């Protein structure tokens, strides 16, 4: 099964600490081993043999025009571009609306600098095998911590294990795209915790707070709340959980790439 892919490639603007440290107009243009990291992401998608078209949502037009590598890539076949919206969730929803509804979509980010073709293949093959509407990739926190003890990642703590997000999402059916609208709702209500909890469910939040919620139960509750069949793909790649949110992340990614070159 071939997927269309969306790459969210916006950032926090001119003051993004990674962009400032790298001296670039947008974070995704930060160079890793000589290439802008968003170009590395696109190459991983292309080389996976699982992706058809690729749509970049960002960086802004002026940053795009200032990057010869990215401009050439977008002017060729198979890679499109659209300006980013005000938030990641809105960007995802608008980008999804431009793609054929009956074709599955992979969503990732332009700062996923360690993304590899193997990661893409594993995630999409496993997500397709689940037979649901939407799937998300998670890496065991113990694997990430053991492999990269210096990294600090957000950890999802369930009763049966701890996991890190991997910035890989699969929309496998038209119904699965409803999750993008749930994301928009959460984003819109982020300053109103009571409403955010209401979107997920008070029972689930209470169980999670006391470490009584299993991953399977969390997925089932989210599926029921959103009206979709959601699934999780465990990732055996520690690097799948590493993106470039901070300057420390950038230093780590550059060291990993230099070590494995």
C-alpha atoms as a PDB file:
ATOM      1  CA  UNK A   1       0.000   0.000   0.000  1.00  0.00           C
ATOM      2  CA  UNK A   2       1.379   3.407  -0.987  1.00  0.00           C
ATOM      3  CA  UNK A   3       0.775   6.393   1.258  1.00  0.00           C
ATOM      4  CA  UNK A   4       0.740  10.074   0.538  1.00  0.00           C
ATOM      5  CA  UNK A   5       2.852  11.931   3.097  1.00  0.00           C
ATOM      6  CA  UNK A   6       2.505  15.248   4.880  1.00  0.00           C
ATOM      7  CA  UNK A   7       5.581  16.812   6.475  1.00  0.00           C
ATOM      8  CA  UNK A   8       4.842  19.587   8.984  1.00  0.00           C
ATOM      9  CA  UNK A   9       7.823  21.892   8.485  1.00  0.00           C
ATOM     10  CA  UNK A  10       6.919  25.110  10.280  1.00  0.00           C
ATOM     11  CA  UNK A  11       8.463  26.275  13.562  1.00  0.00           C
ATOM     12  CA  UNK A  12       8.041  28.906  16.268  1.00  0.00           C
ATOM     13  CA  UNK A  13       9.151  31.712  13.965  1.00  0.00           C
ATOM     14  CA  UNK A  14      12.291  33.845  13.885  1.00  0.00           C
ATOM     15  CA  UNK A  15      12.937  33.269  17.596  1.00  0.00           C
ATOM     16  CA  UNK A  16      13.015  29.481  17.389  1.00  0.00           C
ATOM     17  CA  UNK A  17      16.109  28.569  19.453  1.00  0.00           C
ATOM     18  CA  UNK A  18      17.271  25.863  17.047  1.00  0.00           C
ATOM     19  CA  UNK A  19      16.956  28.168  14.018  1.00  0.00           C
ATOM     20  CA  UNK A  20      18.801  30.920  15.889  1.00  0.00           C
ATOM     21  CA  UNK A  21      21.605  28.560  16.941  1.00  0.00           C
ATOM     22  CA  UNK A  22      21.944  27.210  13.395  1.00  0.00           C
ATOM     23  CA  UNK A  23      21.712  30.649  11.760  1.00  0.00           C
ATOM     24  CA  UNK A  24      18.881  29.658   9.409  1.00  0.00           C
ATOM     25  CA  UNK A  25      15.558  31.231   8.482  1.00  0.00           C
ATOM     26  CA  UNK A  26      13.497  28.237   9.655  1.00  0.00           C
ATOM     27  CA  UNK A  27      14.270  25.339  11.991  1.00  0.00           C
ATOM     28  CA  UNK A  28      13.693  22.667   9.346  1.00  0.00           C
ATOM     29  CA  UNK A  29      16.549  24.182   7.292  1.00  0.00           C
ATOM     30  CA  UNK A  30      19.077  23.435  10.044  1.00  0.00           C
ATOM     31  CA  UNK A  31      21.915  21.461   8.514  1.00  0.00           C
ATOM     32  CA  UNK A  32      22.688  17.935   9.654  1.00  0.00           C
ATOM     33  CA  UNK A  33      25.766  16.451   7.974  1.00  0.00           C
ATOM     34  CA  UNK A  34      25.539  19.096   5.261  1.00  0.00           C
ATOM     35  CA  UNK A  35      21.828  18.816   4.416  1.00  0.00           C
ATOM     36  CA  UNK A  36      18.772  20.672   5.748  1.00  0.00           C
ATOM     37  CA  UNK A  37      17.048  18.262   8.086  1.00  0.00           C
ATOM     38  CA  UNK A  38      13.724  18.506   6.244  1.00  0.00           C
ATOM     39  CA  UNK A  39      15.555  17.301   3.107  1.00  0.00           C
ATOM     40  CA  UNK A  40      16.763  14.299   5.123  1.00  0.00           C
ATOM     41  CA  UNK A  41      13.145  13.590   6.076  1.00  0.00           C
ATOM     42  CA  UNK A  42      11.979  13.764   2.447  1.00  0.00           C
ATOM     43  CA  UNK A  43      14.788  11.448   1.323  1.00  0.00           C
ATOM     44  CA  UNK A  44      13.826   8.893   3.996  1.00  0.00           C
ATOM     45  CA  UNK A  45      10.228   8.962   2.772  1.00  0.00           C
ATOM     46  CA  UNK A  46      11.251   8.636  -0.878  1.00  0.00           C
ATOM     47  CA  UNK A  47      13.653   5.767  -0.195  1.00  0.00           C
ATOM     48  CA  UNK A  48      11.129   3.801   1.858  1.00  0.00           C
ATOM     49  CA  UNK A  49       9.247   2.609  -1.256  1.00  0.00           C
ATOM     50  CA  UNK A  50       6.009   3.126   0.700  1.00  0.00           C
ATOM     51  CA  UNK A  51       5.284   6.766  -0.180  1.00  0.00           C
ATOM     52  CA  UNK A  52       3.720   8.219  -3.299  1.00  0.00           C
ATOM     53  CA  UNK A  53       3.444  12.013  -3.133  1.00  0.00           C
ATOM     54  CA  UNK A  54       4.929  14.220  -0.415  1.00  0.00           C
ATOM     55  CA  UNK A  55       3.384  17.509   0.714  1.00  0.00           C
ATOM     56  CA  UNK A  56       5.472  19.934   2.760  1.00  0.00           C
ATOM     57  CA  UNK A  57       3.422  22.209   4.994  1.00  0.00           C
ATOM     58  CA  UNK A  58       6.021  24.917   5.589  1.00  0.00           C
ATOM     59  CA  UNK A  59       8.468  26.445   5.882  1.00  0.00           C
ATOM     60  CA  UNK A  60       7.165  29.929   4.996  1.00  0.00           C
ATOM     61  CA  UNK A  61       7.641  30.994   1.363  1.00  0.00           C
ATOM     62  CA  UNK A  62      10.539  33.338   2.074  1.00  0.00           C
ATOM     63  CA  UNK A  63      12.458  30.604   3.905  1.00  0.00           C
ATOM     64  CA  UNK A  64      11.721  28.114   1.130  1.00  0.00           C
ATOM     65  CA  UNK A  65      13.019  30.498  -1.517  1.00  0.00           C
ATOM     66  CA  UNK A  66      16.184  31.015   0.523  1.00  0.00           C
ATOM     67  CA  UNK A  67      17.047  27.304   0.439  1.00  0.00           C
ATOM     68  CA  UNK A  68      18.360  26.114  -2.953  1.00  0.00           C
ATOM     69  CA  UNK A  69      18.111  22.415  -1.961  1.00  0.00           C
ATOM     70  CA  UNK A  70      14.513  22.662  -0.813  1.00  0.00           C
ATOM     71  CA  UNK A  71      13.479  24.882  -3.735  1.00  0.00           C
ATOM     72  CA  UNK A  72      14.851  22.339  -6.210  1.00  0.00           C
ATOM     73  CA  UNK A  73      13.098  19.526  -4.399  1.00  0.00           C
ATOM     74  CA  UNK A  74       9.712  21.274  -4.435  1.00  0.00           C
ATOM     75  CA  UNK A  75      10.060  22.249  -8.113  1.00  0.00           C
ATOM     76  CA  UNK A  76      10.546  18.585  -9.083  1.00  0.00           C
ATOM     77  CA  UNK A  77       8.066  15.726  -9.275  1.00  0.00           C
ATOM     78  CA  UNK A  78       6.474  14.143  -6.232  1.00  0.00           C
ATOM     79  CA  UNK A  79       7.070  16.897  -3.652  1.00  0.00           C
ATOM     80  CA  UNK A  80       4.577  19.712  -3.161  1.00  0.00           C
ATOM     81  CA  UNK A  81       4.477  22.680  -0.826  1.00  0.00           C
ATOM     82  CA  UNK A  82       1.854  24.751   0.954  1.00  0.00           C
ATOM     83  CA  UNK A  83       2.257  27.575   3.472  1.00  0.00           C
ATOM     84  CA  UNK A  84       1.876  26.581   7.126  1.00  0.00           C
ATOM     85  CA  UNK A  85      -1.193  27.537   9.121  1.00  0.00           C
ATOM     86  CA  UNK A  86      -1.111  29.193  12.528  1.00  0.00           C
ATOM     87  CA  UNK A  87      -0.779  25.911  14.460  1.00  0.00           C
ATOM     88  CA  UNK A  88       0.427  22.363  13.763  1.00  0.00           C
ATOM     89  CA  UNK A  89      -3.059  20.884  14.157  1.00  0.00           C
ATOM     90  CA  UNK A  90      -4.586  23.408  11.765  1.00  0.00           C
ATOM     91  CA  UNK A  91      -1.762  22.787   9.290  1.00  0.00           C
ATOM     92  CA  UNK A  92      -2.397  19.049   9.471  1.00  0.00           C
ATOM     93  CA  UNK A  93      -6.153  19.439   8.947  1.00  0.00           C
ATOM     94  CA  UNK A  94      -5.763  21.804   5.992  1.00  0.00           C
ATOM     95  CA  UNK A  95      -3.074  19.622   4.384  1.00  0.00           C
ATOM     96  CA  UNK A  96      -5.202  16.490   4.790  1.00  0.00           C
ATOM     97  CA  UNK A  97      -8.107  18.243   3.086  1.00  0.00           C
ATOM     98  CA  UNK A  98      -5.984  18.764  -0.042  1.00  0.00           C
ATOM     99  CA  UNK A  99      -5.236  15.037  -0.460  1.00  0.00           C
ATOM    100  CA  UNK A 100      -7.583  12.375  -1.895  1.00  0.00           C
ATOM    101  CA  UNK A 101      -9.824  11.149   0.908  1.00  0.00           C
ATOM    102  CA  UNK A 102      -9.689   7.525  -0.207  1.00  0.00           C
ATOM    103  CA  UNK A 103      -5.882   7.307  -0.053  1.00  0.00           C
ATOM    104  CA  UNK A 104      -3.973   6.677   3.208  1.00  0.00           C
ATOM    105  CA  UNK A 105      -1.730   9.415   4.580  1.00  0.00           C
ATOM    106  CA  UNK A 106       1.444   9.407   6.663  1.00  0.00           C
ATOM    107  CA  UNK A 107       2.040  12.496   8.801  1.00  0.00           C
ATOM    108  CA  UNK A 108       5.470  13.353  10.180  1.00  0.00           C
ATOM    109  CA  UNK A 109       7.542  16.446  10.960  1.00  0.00           C
ATOM    110  CA  UNK A 110      10.381  18.320   9.319  1.00  0.00           C
ATOM    111  CA  UNK A 111      12.551  18.077  12.436  1.00  0.00           C
ATOM    112  CA  UNK A 112      12.557  14.254  12.451  1.00  0.00           C
ATOM    113  CA  UNK A 113      16.182  14.357  11.348  1.00  0.00           C
ATOM    114  CA  UNK A 114      16.968  10.700  12.178  1.00  0.00           C
ATOM    115  CA  UNK A 115      14.013   9.291  10.269  1.00  0.00           C
ATOM    116  CA  UNK A 116      15.116   6.357   8.114  1.00  0.00           C
ATOM    117  CA  UNK A 117      13.520   4.312   5.323  1.00  0.00           C
ATOM    118  CA  UNK A 118      13.441   1.292   7.679  1.00  0.00           C
ATOM    119  CA  UNK A 119      11.456   3.256  10.257  1.00  0.00           C
ATOM    120  CA  UNK A 120       8.962   4.392   7.626  1.00  0.00           C
ATOM    121  CA  UNK A 121       8.533   0.865   6.250  1.00  0.00           C
ATOM    122  CA  UNK A 122       8.108  -0.686   9.684  1.00  0.00           C
ATOM    123  CA  UNK A 123       5.547   1.867  10.803  1.00  0.00           C
ATOM    124  CA  UNK A 124       3.448   1.858   7.643  1.00  0.00           C
ATOM    125  CA  UNK A 125       3.511  -1.923   7.198  1.00  0.00           C
ATOM    126  CA  UNK A 126       2.471  -2.487  10.814  1.00  0.00           C
ATOM    127  CA  UNK A 127      -0.119   0.295  10.719  1.00  0.00           C
ATOM    128  CA  UNK A 128      -1.681  -1.185   7.581  1.00  0.00           C
ATOM    129  CA  UNK A 129      -1.799  -4.632   9.187  1.00  0.00           C
ATOM    130  CA  UNK A 130      -3.794  -3.262  12.137  1.00  0.00           C
ATOM    131  CA  UNK A 131      -6.764  -2.671   9.853  1.00  0.00           C
ATOM    132  CA  UNK A 132      -8.016   0.392  11.728  1.00  0.00           C
ATOM    133  CA  UNK A 133      -8.652   4.035  10.892  1.00  0.00           C
ATOM    134  CA  UNK A 134      -5.632   5.736  12.450  1.00  0.00           C
ATOM    135  CA  UNK A 135      -2.345   4.634  14.019  1.00  0.00           C
ATOM    136  CA  UNK A 136       0.454   6.252  15.981  1.00  0.00           C
ATOM    137  CA  UNK A 137       4.050   5.147  16.545  1.00  0.00           C
ATOM    138  CA  UNK A 138       5.426   4.827  20.074  1.00  0.00           C
ATOM    139  CA  UNK A 139       8.889   3.732  21.197  1.00  0.00           C
ATOM    140  CA  UNK A 140       9.495   2.096  24.586  1.00  0.00           C
ATOM    141  CA  UNK A 141      11.037   4.691  26.891  1.00  0.00           C
ATOM    142  CA  UNK A 142      13.432   2.106  28.325  1.00  0.00           C
ATOM    143  CA  UNK A 143      14.855   1.490  24.832  1.00  0.00           C
ATOM    144  CA  UNK A 144      15.243   5.213  24.158  1.00  0.00           C
ATOM    145  CA  UNK A 145      16.850   5.886  27.544  1.00  0.00           C
ATOM    146  CA  UNK A 146      19.207   2.929  27.271  1.00  0.00           C
ATOM    147  CA  UNK A 147      20.343   3.895  23.777  1.00  0.00           C
ATOM    148  CA  UNK A 148      20.546   7.647  24.315  1.00  0.00           C
ATOM    149  CA  UNK A 149      20.912   8.257  28.065  1.00  0.00           C
ATOM    150  CA  UNK A 150      21.569  11.980  27.566  1.00  0.00           C
ATOM    151  CA  UNK A 151      18.294  12.707  25.820  1.00  0.00           C
ATOM    152  CA  UNK A 152      15.244  14.075  27.620  1.00  0.00           C
ATOM    153  CA  UNK A 153      11.945  13.128  26.043  1.00  0.00           C
ATOM    154  CA  UNK A 154       8.322  13.458  27.025  1.00  0.00           C
ATOM    155  CA  UNK A 155       7.242  10.141  28.519  1.00  0.00           C
ATOM    156  CA  UNK A 156       3.738   8.656  28.420  1.00  0.00           C
ATOM    157  CA  UNK A 157       3.421   6.598  31.599  1.00  0.00           C
ATOM    158  CA  UNK A 158       0.918   3.748  31.413  1.00  0.00           C
ATOM    159  CA  UNK A 159       0.376   0.985  33.923  1.00  0.00           C
ATOM    160  CA  UNK A 160       1.947  -1.565  31.592  1.00  0.00           C
ATOM    161  CA  UNK A 161       4.846   0.461  30.243  1.00  0.00           C
ATOM    162  CA  UNK A 162       6.304   3.872  29.469  1.00  0.00           C
ATOM    163  CA  UNK A 163       6.534   5.203  25.907  1.00  0.00           C
ATOM    164  CA  UNK A 164       7.843   8.116  23.857  1.00  0.00           C
ATOM    165  CA  UNK A 165       6.104   9.587  20.836  1.00  0.00           C
ATOM    166  CA  UNK A 166       7.767   9.244  17.438  1.00  0.00           C
ATOM    167  CA  UNK A 167       6.065  11.950  15.331  1.00  0.00           C
ATOM    168  CA  UNK A 168       4.639   9.316  12.996  1.00  0.00           C
ATOM    169  CA  UNK A 169       0.883   9.135  12.405  1.00  0.00           C
ATOM    170  CA  UNK A 170      -1.040   7.119   9.816  1.00  0.00           C
ATOM    171  CA  UNK A 171      -4.515   8.096   8.615  1.00  0.00           C
ATOM    172  CA  UNK A 172      -5.699   4.842   7.105  1.00  0.00           C
ATOM    173  CA  UNK A 173      -9.294   5.697   6.196  1.00  0.00           C
ATOM    174  CA  UNK A 174     -11.473   8.768   5.620  1.00  0.00           C
ATOM    175  CA  UNK A 175     -12.915   8.270   9.110  1.00  0.00           C
ATOM    176  CA  UNK A 176      -9.437   8.324  10.608  1.00  0.00           C
ATOM    177  CA  UNK A 177      -9.018  11.930   9.550  1.00  0.00           C
ATOM    178  CA  UNK A 178     -11.430  12.883  12.321  1.00  0.00           C
ATOM    179  CA  UNK A 179      -8.437  12.637  14.661  1.00  0.00           C
ATOM    180  CA  UNK A 180      -6.972  15.762  13.053  1.00  0.00           C
ATOM    181  CA  UNK A 181     -10.076  17.658  14.135  1.00  0.00           C
ATOM    182  CA  UNK A 182      -9.806  16.250  17.670  1.00  0.00           C
ATOM    183  CA  UNK A 183      -6.207  17.511  17.701  1.00  0.00           C
ATOM    184  CA  UNK A 184      -7.470  20.948  16.623  1.00  0.00           C
ATOM    185  CA  UNK A 185      -9.987  20.923  19.463  1.00  0.00           C
ATOM    186  CA  UNK A 186      -7.327  20.040  22.023  1.00  0.00           C
ATOM    187  CA  UNK A 187      -5.064  22.750  20.639  1.00  0.00           C
ATOM    188  CA  UNK A 188      -7.860  25.345  20.702  1.00  0.00           C
ATOM    189  CA  UNK A 189      -8.721  24.507  24.317  1.00  0.00           C
ATOM    190  CA  UNK A 190      -5.149  24.159  25.577  1.00  0.00           C
ATOM    191  CA  UNK A 191      -5.636  27.110  27.973  1.00  0.00           C
ATOM    192  CA  UNK A 192      -8.793  25.548  29.392  1.00  0.00           C
ATOM    193  CA  UNK A 193      -7.732  22.275  31.075  1.00  0.00           C
ATOM    194  CA  UNK A 194     -11.273  21.301  32.056  1.00  0.00           C
ATOM    195  CA  UNK A 195     -12.419  21.318  28.423  1.00  0.00           C
ATOM    196  CA  UNK A 196      -9.331  19.397  27.314  1.00  0.00           C
ATOM    197  CA  UNK A 197     -10.021  16.718  29.915  1.00  0.00           C
ATOM    198  CA  UNK A 198     -13.623  16.619  28.709  1.00  0.00           C
ATOM    199  CA  UNK A 199     -12.436  15.746  25.212  1.00  0.00           C
ATOM    200  CA  UNK A 200     -10.487  12.748  26.523  1.00  0.00           C
ATOM    201  CA  UNK A 201     -12.767  11.716  29.384  1.00  0.00           C
ATOM    202  CA  UNK A 202     -12.506  12.280  33.121  1.00  0.00           C
ATOM    203  CA  UNK A 203     -12.273   8.569  33.891  1.00  0.00           C
ATOM    204  CA  UNK A 204      -9.285   8.072  31.626  1.00  0.00           C
ATOM    205  CA  UNK A 205      -7.518  11.117  33.035  1.00  0.00           C
ATOM    206  CA  UNK A 206      -8.033   9.934  36.609  1.00  0.00           C
ATOM    207  CA  UNK A 207      -6.727   6.457  35.813  1.00  0.00           C
ATOM    208  CA  UNK A 208      -3.716   7.914  33.987  1.00  0.00           C
ATOM    209  CA  UNK A 209      -2.905  10.249  36.889  1.00  0.00           C
ATOM    210  CA  UNK A 210      -2.751   7.283  39.277  1.00  0.00           C
ATOM    211  CA  UNK A 211      -0.796   5.119  36.787  1.00  0.00           C
ATOM    212  CA  UNK A 212      -3.748   2.739  36.491  1.00  0.00           C
ATOM    213  CA  UNK A 213      -4.423   3.202  32.776  1.00  0.00           C
ATOM    214  CA  UNK A 214      -2.919   0.638  30.411  1.00  0.00           C
ATOM    215  CA  UNK A 215      -1.891   1.559  26.883  1.00  0.00           C
ATOM    216  CA  UNK A 216      -4.539  -0.736  25.382  1.00  0.00           C
ATOM    217  CA  UNK A 217      -7.228   0.809  27.574  1.00  0.00           C
ATOM    218  CA  UNK A 218      -6.112   4.318  26.638  1.00  0.00           C
ATOM    219  CA  UNK A 219      -6.314   3.462  22.926  1.00  0.00           C
ATOM    220  CA  UNK A 220      -9.757   1.926  23.394  1.00  0.00           C
ATOM    221  CA  UNK A 221     -11.036   4.989  25.243  1.00  0.00           C
ATOM    222  CA  UNK A 222      -9.668   7.403  22.651  1.00  0.00           C
ATOM    223  CA  UNK A 223     -11.195   5.280  19.889  1.00  0.00           C
ATOM    224  CA  UNK A 224     -14.580   5.373  21.588  1.00  0.00           C
ATOM    225  CA  UNK A 225     -14.404   9.094  22.317  1.00  0.00           C
ATOM    226  CA  UNK A 226     -13.358  10.042  18.766  1.00  0.00           C
ATOM    227  CA  UNK A 227     -15.462   7.459  16.934  1.00  0.00           C
ATOM    228  CA  UNK A 228     -12.493   5.844  15.175  1.00  0.00           C
ATOM    229  CA  UNK A 229     -10.541   2.597  15.383  1.00  0.00           C
ATOM    230  CA  UNK A 230      -7.145   3.711  16.674  1.00  0.00           C
ATOM    231  CA  UNK A 231      -4.037   1.584  17.000  1.00  0.00           C
ATOM    232  CA  UNK A 232      -0.448   1.783  18.209  1.00  0.00           C
ATOM    233  CA  UNK A 233       2.656   0.592  16.393  1.00  0.00           C
ATOM    234  CA  UNK A 234       5.568  -0.151  18.766  1.00  0.00           C
ATOM    235  CA  UNK A 235       8.832   0.992  17.229  1.00  0.00           C
ATOM    236  CA  UNK A 236      12.023  -1.045  17.765  1.00  0.00           C
ATOM    237  CA  UNK A 237      14.125   2.001  16.801  1.00  0.00           C
ATOM    238  CA  UNK A 238      15.231   4.276  19.658  1.00  0.00           C
ATOM    239  CA  UNK A 239      16.115   6.998  17.141  1.00  0.00           C
ATOM    240  CA  UNK A 240      12.475   7.146  16.029  1.00  0.00           C
ATOM    241  CA  UNK A 241      11.722   9.058  19.240  1.00  0.00           C
ATOM    242  CA  UNK A 242      14.387  11.724  18.667  1.00  0.00           C
ATOM    243  CA  UNK A 243      13.336  14.973  17.033  1.00  0.00           C
ATOM    244  CA  UNK A 244      14.995  18.384  17.196  1.00  0.00           C
ATOM    245  CA  UNK A 245      13.043  20.527  19.632  1.00  0.00           C
ATOM    246  CA  UNK A 246      16.016  22.100  21.422  1.00  0.00           C
ATOM    247  CA  UNK A 247      19.641  23.004  20.835  1.00  0.00           C
ATOM    248  CA  UNK A 248      20.592  20.030  23.022  1.00  0.00           C
ATOM    249  CA  UNK A 249      18.576  17.793  20.664  1.00  0.00           C
ATOM    250  CA  UNK A 250      20.445  19.301  17.716  1.00  0.00           C
ATOM    251  CA  UNK A 251      23.814  18.539  19.301  1.00  0.00           C
ATOM    252  CA  UNK A 252      22.710  14.969  20.023  1.00  0.00           C
ATOM    253  CA  UNK A 253      21.405  14.357  16.493  1.00  0.00           C
ATOM    254  CA  UNK A 254      24.567  15.736  14.921  1.00  0.00           C
ATOM    255  CA  UNK A 255      26.666  13.476  17.161  1.00  0.00           C
ATOM    256  CA  UNK A 256      24.559  10.408  16.262  1.00  0.00           C
ATOM    257  CA  UNK A 257      24.794  11.120  12.534  1.00  0.00           C
ATOM    258  CA  UNK A 258      28.541  11.738  12.739  1.00  0.00           C
ATOM    259  CA  UNK A 259      29.019   8.479  14.659  1.00  0.00           C
ATOM    260  CA  UNK A 260      27.021   6.395  12.189  1.00  0.00           C
ATOM    261  CA  UNK A 261      28.306   8.029   8.988  1.00  0.00           C
END
